[in-house]
Protein backbone atom coordinates (compact mmCIF):
# COMPACT_ATOMS: atom_id res chain seq x y z
CA UNK A 1 -7.68 -2.17 33.41
CA UNK A 2 -9.36 -4.29 31.42
CA UNK A 3 -10.64 -1.74 29.09
CA UNK A 4 -7.06 -1.18 28.50
CA UNK A 5 -6.24 -4.50 28.12
CA UNK A 6 -8.80 -5.29 25.86
CA UNK A 7 -7.79 -2.51 23.70
CA UNK A 8 -4.35 -2.53 23.65
CA UNK A 9 -3.46 -5.78 23.74
CA UNK A 10 -5.33 -7.53 20.90
CA UNK A 11 -2.92 -4.62 18.92
CA UNK A 12 0.11 -5.94 20.01
CA UNK A 13 -0.69 -9.26 19.03
CA UNK A 14 -2.17 -8.60 15.56
CA UNK A 15 0.38 -6.64 14.90
CA UNK A 16 3.28 -9.02 15.65
CA UNK A 17 1.11 -11.54 13.89
CA UNK A 18 1.00 -9.25 10.68
CA UNK A 19 4.85 -9.23 11.07
CA UNK A 20 5.58 -12.71 10.99
CA UNK A 21 3.12 -13.99 8.91
CA UNK A 22 2.17 -11.62 6.04
CA UNK A 23 -0.69 -12.61 4.37
CA UNK A 24 -0.36 -16.40 3.58
CA UNK A 25 -2.15 -17.40 0.37
CA UNK A 26 -3.58 -20.91 2.51
CA UNK A 27 -5.72 -18.33 4.64
CA UNK A 28 -8.95 -17.45 3.84
CA UNK A 29 -8.95 -13.45 4.38
CA UNK A 30 -12.25 -11.33 5.03
CA UNK A 31 -11.17 -9.03 2.37
CA UNK A 32 -11.51 -11.47 -0.70
CA UNK A 33 -15.15 -12.28 0.85
CA UNK A 34 -15.15 -8.35 0.61
CA UNK A 35 -14.00 -8.27 -2.73
CA UNK A 36 -17.00 -10.60 -3.84
CA UNK A 37 -19.69 -8.81 -2.42
CA UNK A 38 -18.64 -5.38 -3.89
CA UNK A 39 -18.40 -7.60 -7.59
CA UNK A 40 -21.98 -9.18 -7.43
CA UNK A 41 -23.18 -5.77 -6.28
CA UNK A 42 -21.48 -3.90 -8.94
CA UNK A 43 -22.73 -6.06 -11.63
CA UNK A 44 -26.30 -5.72 -10.41
CA UNK A 45 -26.50 -2.43 -9.83
CA UNK A 46 -23.72 -0.20 -12.03
CA UNK A 47 -26.67 -0.19 -15.08
CA UNK A 48 -29.24 1.71 -15.88
CA UNK A 49 -30.31 5.54 -14.24
CA UNK A 50 -29.42 6.66 -11.06
CA UNK A 51 -26.07 4.82 -11.06
CA UNK A 52 -24.76 7.84 -8.67
CA UNK A 53 -27.56 7.44 -6.05
CA UNK A 54 -27.31 2.94 -5.69
CA UNK A 55 -23.47 2.92 -5.78
CA UNK A 56 -23.90 5.27 -2.60
CA UNK A 57 -26.36 3.35 -1.12
CA UNK A 58 -24.73 0.57 -2.04
CA UNK A 59 -21.70 1.64 -0.51
CA UNK A 60 -22.85 3.24 2.79
CA UNK A 61 -25.30 0.23 3.46
CA UNK A 62 -22.00 -2.43 3.37
CA UNK A 63 -19.48 -0.30 4.90
CA UNK A 64 -22.39 0.34 8.01
CA UNK A 65 -23.08 -3.73 7.68
CA UNK A 66 -19.54 -4.51 8.15
CA UNK A 67 -19.28 -1.97 11.08
CA UNK A 68 -22.78 -3.66 12.66
CA UNK A 69 -22.23 -7.11 12.57
CA UNK A 70 -18.82 -6.48 14.19
CA UNK A 71 -19.10 -4.56 16.93
CA UNK A 72 -22.19 -7.32 17.76
CA UNK A 73 -19.84 -9.77 17.69
CA UNK A 74 -17.55 -8.60 19.60
CA UNK A 75 -20.04 -7.05 22.06
CA UNK A 76 -21.37 -10.65 22.19
CA UNK A 77 -17.75 -12.63 22.43
CA UNK A 78 -16.94 -9.81 25.23
CA UNK A 79 -20.03 -10.87 27.28
CA UNK A 80 -19.55 -14.60 26.78
CA UNK A 81 -15.78 -14.86 27.77
CA UNK A 82 -13.29 -11.71 27.97
CA UNK A 83 -10.21 -13.88 26.22
CA UNK A 84 -12.36 -15.37 23.92
CA UNK A 85 -13.65 -11.69 22.62
CA UNK A 86 -9.54 -10.37 22.89
CA UNK A 87 -8.57 -13.41 20.66
CA UNK A 88 -11.57 -12.33 18.12
CA UNK A 89 -10.02 -8.48 18.06
CA UNK A 90 -6.39 -10.04 17.76
CA UNK A 91 -7.57 -11.55 15.00
CA UNK A 92 -9.37 -8.86 13.29
CA UNK A 93 -6.03 -6.63 13.65
CA UNK A 94 -4.15 -9.13 11.98
CA UNK A 95 -6.71 -9.47 9.03
CA UNK A 96 -6.63 -5.61 8.52
CA UNK A 97 -3.03 -5.01 8.98
CA UNK A 98 -0.53 -4.93 5.31
CA UNK A 99 2.99 -3.99 6.81
CA UNK A 100 4.75 -7.26 6.27
CA UNK A 101 3.40 -7.72 2.55
CA UNK A 102 3.57 -4.92 1.40
CA UNK A 103 7.51 -4.42 2.65
CA UNK A 104 7.75 -7.87 1.09
CA UNK A 105 6.35 -7.13 -2.20
CA UNK A 106 8.35 -3.49 -2.85
CA UNK A 107 11.67 -6.18 -2.12
CA UNK A 108 10.72 -8.57 -5.01
CA UNK A 109 9.67 -5.72 -7.68
CA UNK A 110 13.54 -4.65 -6.92
CA UNK A 111 14.80 -7.82 -7.26
CA UNK A 112 13.12 -8.43 -10.11
CA UNK A 113 14.21 -5.17 -11.72
CA UNK A 114 17.74 -5.94 -11.30
CA UNK A 115 17.03 -9.13 -13.29
CA UNK A 116 15.30 -7.79 -16.11
CA UNK A 117 12.86 -4.70 -17.03
CA UNK A 118 10.17 -7.50 -17.94
CA UNK A 119 10.67 -8.93 -14.78
CA UNK A 120 10.22 -5.82 -13.06
CA UNK A 121 7.31 -4.62 -15.09
CA UNK A 122 5.38 -7.67 -14.52
CA UNK A 123 6.09 -8.12 -10.44
CA UNK A 124 5.44 -4.09 -9.50
CA UNK A 125 1.83 -4.74 -11.52
CA UNK A 126 0.96 -6.71 -8.74
CA UNK A 127 0.84 -3.59 -6.47
CA UNK A 128 0.27 -0.41 -8.49
CA UNK A 129 -2.77 0.52 -11.03
CA UNK A 130 -1.14 2.30 -13.45
CA UNK A 131 0.00 0.29 -17.37
CA UNK A 132 3.21 -1.21 -16.46
CA UNK A 133 3.83 -2.21 -19.69
CA UNK A 134 6.09 0.56 -20.86
CA UNK A 135 8.12 1.40 -17.44
CA UNK A 136 11.65 1.87 -17.32
CA UNK A 137 13.59 0.62 -14.68
CA UNK A 138 13.65 4.14 -13.00
CA UNK A 139 9.52 3.87 -13.27
CA UNK A 140 9.57 0.68 -11.78
CA UNK A 141 11.66 1.52 -8.66
CA UNK A 142 9.46 4.83 -8.51
CA UNK A 143 6.12 3.37 -9.05
CA UNK A 144 7.13 1.07 -6.07
CA UNK A 145 8.00 3.45 -3.38
CA UNK A 146 5.29 6.11 -3.80
CA UNK A 147 3.25 2.60 -3.34
CA UNK A 148 5.17 1.80 -0.13
CA UNK A 149 4.53 5.18 0.92
CA UNK A 150 0.36 5.72 -0.15
CA UNK A 151 0.01 1.97 1.39
CA UNK A 152 1.60 2.90 4.80
CA UNK A 153 -1.28 4.80 5.18
CA UNK A 154 -4.01 2.61 3.79
CA UNK A 155 -3.02 -0.49 4.98
CA UNK A 156 -1.45 -0.14 8.18
CA UNK A 157 -1.84 3.63 10.00
CA UNK A 158 -5.20 4.10 8.98
CA UNK A 159 -6.70 0.76 9.59
CA UNK A 160 -4.82 1.47 13.61
CA UNK A 161 -6.31 5.09 13.83
CA UNK A 162 -9.50 3.59 13.24
CA UNK A 163 -9.42 0.93 15.99
CA UNK A 164 -7.82 3.53 17.95
CA UNK A 165 -10.95 5.63 17.66
CA UNK A 166 -13.69 2.75 17.20
CA UNK A 167 -12.55 -0.50 18.04
CA UNK A 168 -11.95 -3.51 15.64
CA UNK A 169 -15.80 -2.44 14.28
CA UNK A 170 -14.14 0.77 12.82
CA UNK A 171 -10.99 -1.34 11.45
CA UNK A 172 -13.25 -3.83 9.72
CA UNK A 173 -15.55 -0.75 8.41
CA UNK A 174 -12.32 1.03 6.80
CA UNK A 175 -11.31 -2.32 5.04
CA UNK A 176 -14.83 -2.32 3.50
CA UNK A 177 -14.23 1.51 2.59
CA UNK A 178 -10.64 0.99 1.48
CA UNK A 179 -11.80 -2.07 -0.98
CA UNK A 180 -14.57 -0.45 -1.93
CA UNK A 181 -12.32 2.51 -3.41
CA UNK A 182 -9.27 -0.23 -4.96
CA UNK A 183 -12.51 -2.12 -6.97
CA UNK A 184 -14.52 1.36 -7.96
CA UNK A 185 -13.50 4.29 -6.80
CA UNK A 186 -11.92 5.06 -10.35
CA UNK A 187 -12.91 7.92 -13.14
CA UNK A 188 -13.26 5.47 -15.71
CA UNK A 189 -16.46 5.37 -17.90
CA UNK A 190 -17.58 2.41 -15.93
CA UNK A 191 -17.43 3.68 -12.17
CA UNK A 192 -17.54 7.38 -13.03
CA UNK A 193 -20.97 7.66 -11.21
CA UNK A 194 -21.05 4.48 -9.29
CA UNK A 195 -17.60 4.49 -7.71
CA UNK A 196 -18.30 8.04 -7.20
CA UNK A 197 -19.07 7.73 -3.46
CA UNK A 198 -17.04 5.21 -2.57
CA UNK A 199 -14.14 7.69 -3.87
CA UNK A 200 -15.03 9.99 -1.64
CA UNK A 201 -16.03 8.15 1.25
CA UNK A 202 -12.36 6.73 0.87
CA UNK A 203 -10.99 10.19 0.65
CA UNK A 204 -12.22 11.57 4.31
CA UNK A 205 -11.68 7.70 5.70
CA UNK A 206 -8.14 8.67 5.22
CA UNK A 207 -7.76 12.59 5.72
CA UNK A 208 -6.45 12.31 8.97
CA UNK A 209 -4.30 9.21 8.75
CA UNK A 210 -2.87 9.94 5.56
CA UNK A 211 -1.38 13.41 7.21
CA UNK A 212 -0.58 11.67 10.54
CA UNK A 213 1.42 8.98 8.45
CA UNK A 214 3.63 11.86 7.12
CA UNK A 215 4.31 13.11 9.96
CA UNK A 216 5.49 9.90 11.86
CA UNK A 217 7.52 9.26 8.70
CA UNK A 218 9.66 12.16 9.38
CA UNK A 219 9.59 12.02 13.07
CA UNK A 220 11.07 8.04 12.70
CA UNK A 221 13.62 9.94 10.23
CA UNK A 222 13.85 12.68 13.09
CA UNK A 223 14.57 15.35 10.61
CA UNK A 224 12.06 18.19 11.20
CA UNK A 225 13.06 19.95 7.91
CA UNK A 226 11.02 17.68 6.20
CA UNK A 227 7.83 19.21 7.33
CA UNK A 228 8.61 21.92 4.74
CA UNK A 229 8.83 19.58 2.15
CA UNK A 230 5.43 18.09 2.94
CA UNK A 231 3.79 21.44 3.21
CA UNK A 232 5.10 22.14 -0.17
CA UNK A 233 4.31 19.25 -2.23
CA UNK A 234 1.83 17.13 -0.47
CA UNK A 235 -1.21 19.08 -1.83
CA UNK A 236 0.29 18.63 -5.25
CA UNK A 237 -1.04 15.39 -5.93
CA UNK A 238 -4.19 14.62 -7.89
CA UNK A 239 -5.82 12.66 -4.40
CA UNK A 240 -6.12 14.54 -1.38
CA UNK A 241 -4.47 12.64 0.78
CA UNK A 242 -1.58 10.29 -1.21
CA UNK A 243 0.23 13.52 -1.20
CA UNK A 244 1.19 13.79 2.16
CA UNK A 245 2.94 9.78 2.93
CA UNK A 246 4.28 9.88 -0.98
CA UNK A 247 5.99 13.24 -0.42
CA UNK A 248 7.44 12.61 3.19
CA UNK A 249 9.10 9.52 1.32
CA UNK A 250 10.22 11.94 -1.38
CA UNK A 251 11.53 14.55 1.37
CA UNK A 252 13.23 11.67 3.37
CA UNK A 253 14.78 10.00 0.12
CA UNK A 254 15.44 13.21 -1.46
CA UNK A 255 14.16 12.45 -4.83
CA UNK A 256 11.50 12.69 -6.88
CA UNK A 257 8.27 10.92 -7.30
CA UNK A 258 4.93 11.86 -9.99
CA UNK A 259 4.92 12.19 -13.00
CA UNK A 260 3.47 11.02 -16.57
CA UNK A 261 1.61 7.48 -16.72
CA UNK A 262 -0.86 5.77 -18.01
CA UNK A 263 -4.52 4.44 -16.01
CA UNK A 264 -7.41 2.31 -18.21
CA UNK A 265 -5.03 3.38 -21.62
CA UNK A 266 -5.06 7.65 -20.77
CA UNK A 267 -2.19 9.50 -19.83
CA UNK A 268 -2.67 11.05 -16.40
CA UNK A 269 -0.24 13.48 -16.07
CA UNK A 270 0.69 13.41 -12.02
CA UNK A 271 2.26 16.58 -10.54
CA UNK A 272 6.06 16.17 -9.80
CA UNK A 273 6.90 15.57 -6.12
CA UNK A 274 10.55 17.22 -5.54
CA UNK A 275 12.79 18.18 -7.50
CA UNK A 276 16.17 15.71 -7.61
CA UNK A 277 15.59 13.48 -10.16
CA UNK A 278 17.91 11.14 -9.21
CA UNK A 279 18.78 7.33 -10.20
CA UNK A 280 16.81 5.31 -7.22
CA UNK A 281 18.81 3.05 -5.75
CA UNK A 282 17.90 -0.57 -3.74
CA UNK A 283 19.62 1.18 -0.41
CA UNK A 284 16.92 3.80 -0.82
CA UNK A 285 14.24 0.57 -0.92
CA UNK A 286 15.87 -0.59 2.66
CA UNK A 287 15.50 3.13 3.72
CA UNK A 288 12.34 3.23 3.40
CA UNK A 289 11.11 -0.27 4.48
CA UNK A 290 12.77 0.92 8.12
CA UNK A 291 11.07 4.01 7.82
CA UNK A 292 7.48 2.31 7.34
CA UNK A 293 8.63 -0.47 10.36
CA UNK A 294 9.51 2.52 12.74
CA UNK A 295 6.67 4.61 11.76
CA UNK A 296 4.25 1.33 12.15
CA UNK A 297 5.80 1.35 16.35
CA UNK A 298 5.19 4.80 16.79
CA UNK A 299 1.34 4.73 15.67
CA UNK A 300 1.31 1.92 18.55
CA UNK A 301 3.28 3.77 20.85
CA UNK A 302 0.90 6.11 20.18
CA UNK A 303 -2.60 4.18 20.05
CA UNK A 304 -1.35 3.15 23.53
CA UNK A 305 -0.26 6.39 24.84
CA UNK A 306 -3.78 7.64 23.93
CA UNK A 307 -6.27 4.61 25.41
CA UNK A 308 -3.57 4.58 28.64
CA UNK A 309 -4.59 8.01 29.09
CA UNK A 310 -8.85 7.40 28.30
CA UNK A 311 -8.55 4.79 31.26
CA UNK A 312 -6.52 7.41 33.54
CA UNK A 313 -9.51 9.27 32.77
CA UNK A 314 -12.60 7.09 33.20
CA UNK A 315 -11.05 5.19 36.15
């Protein structure tokens, strides 16, 4: 019973805190610290020879260090006071989830583009990596929904998945992996070698969660025929993972994602996901956010079920 409580209660508390508070700007966040450390290391190491080796070693070292420090902290607190450890784990879960913040950002994009195209471009630039200066209203709304689906995996389902497998230490290690990828996991001239390992580690860490996310989204919609849509389009994305949640949402909304975009001054022709190039509406955003919420809740149910079975077996 103690084990189930120790694992499940922090997830429920942390998830509720995320849904209530989101990511308040006044609250210090460990990902900000991760980013500063990565930026410092990249500046010191991303030069001269053996950049791929240095980038790989730096990435693996920080990921493992994050796992060990968090794991030791959880163990120490558990030995001192059970409820103190519960509080610590709850805070970790809260910090590692980004469901409400993501939904709020996407809502703001749709509100901004309704005011003016320029407002929409500025707002969507907060959540996407592509050049937004020339995006049309349709492209702005599409970019926001693509990000909503992709980051359901990166920002909620994947952290919960790694918590389910490896506890708070696994969750924090995943956030370090994800931060590495978001900062240096690009194929630009500067990061092509140094960030190669970070990108590959992120691909591996998200392989199962991305496909799990697509499954949860489809189950949330209740239309199993969308599995065939995901099977057709999921692999066509340049990323080995992003195409699965994106194709799930495109199938649910019966719309089209993908197409050419500009990254770091270069045109990148992403394969289209879907073939119904219809106008994206505010109602699509509302449906997509609802699907995200239902998917999060299904993931919580899955986590509780898995640990209930584990505890029953070892009892």
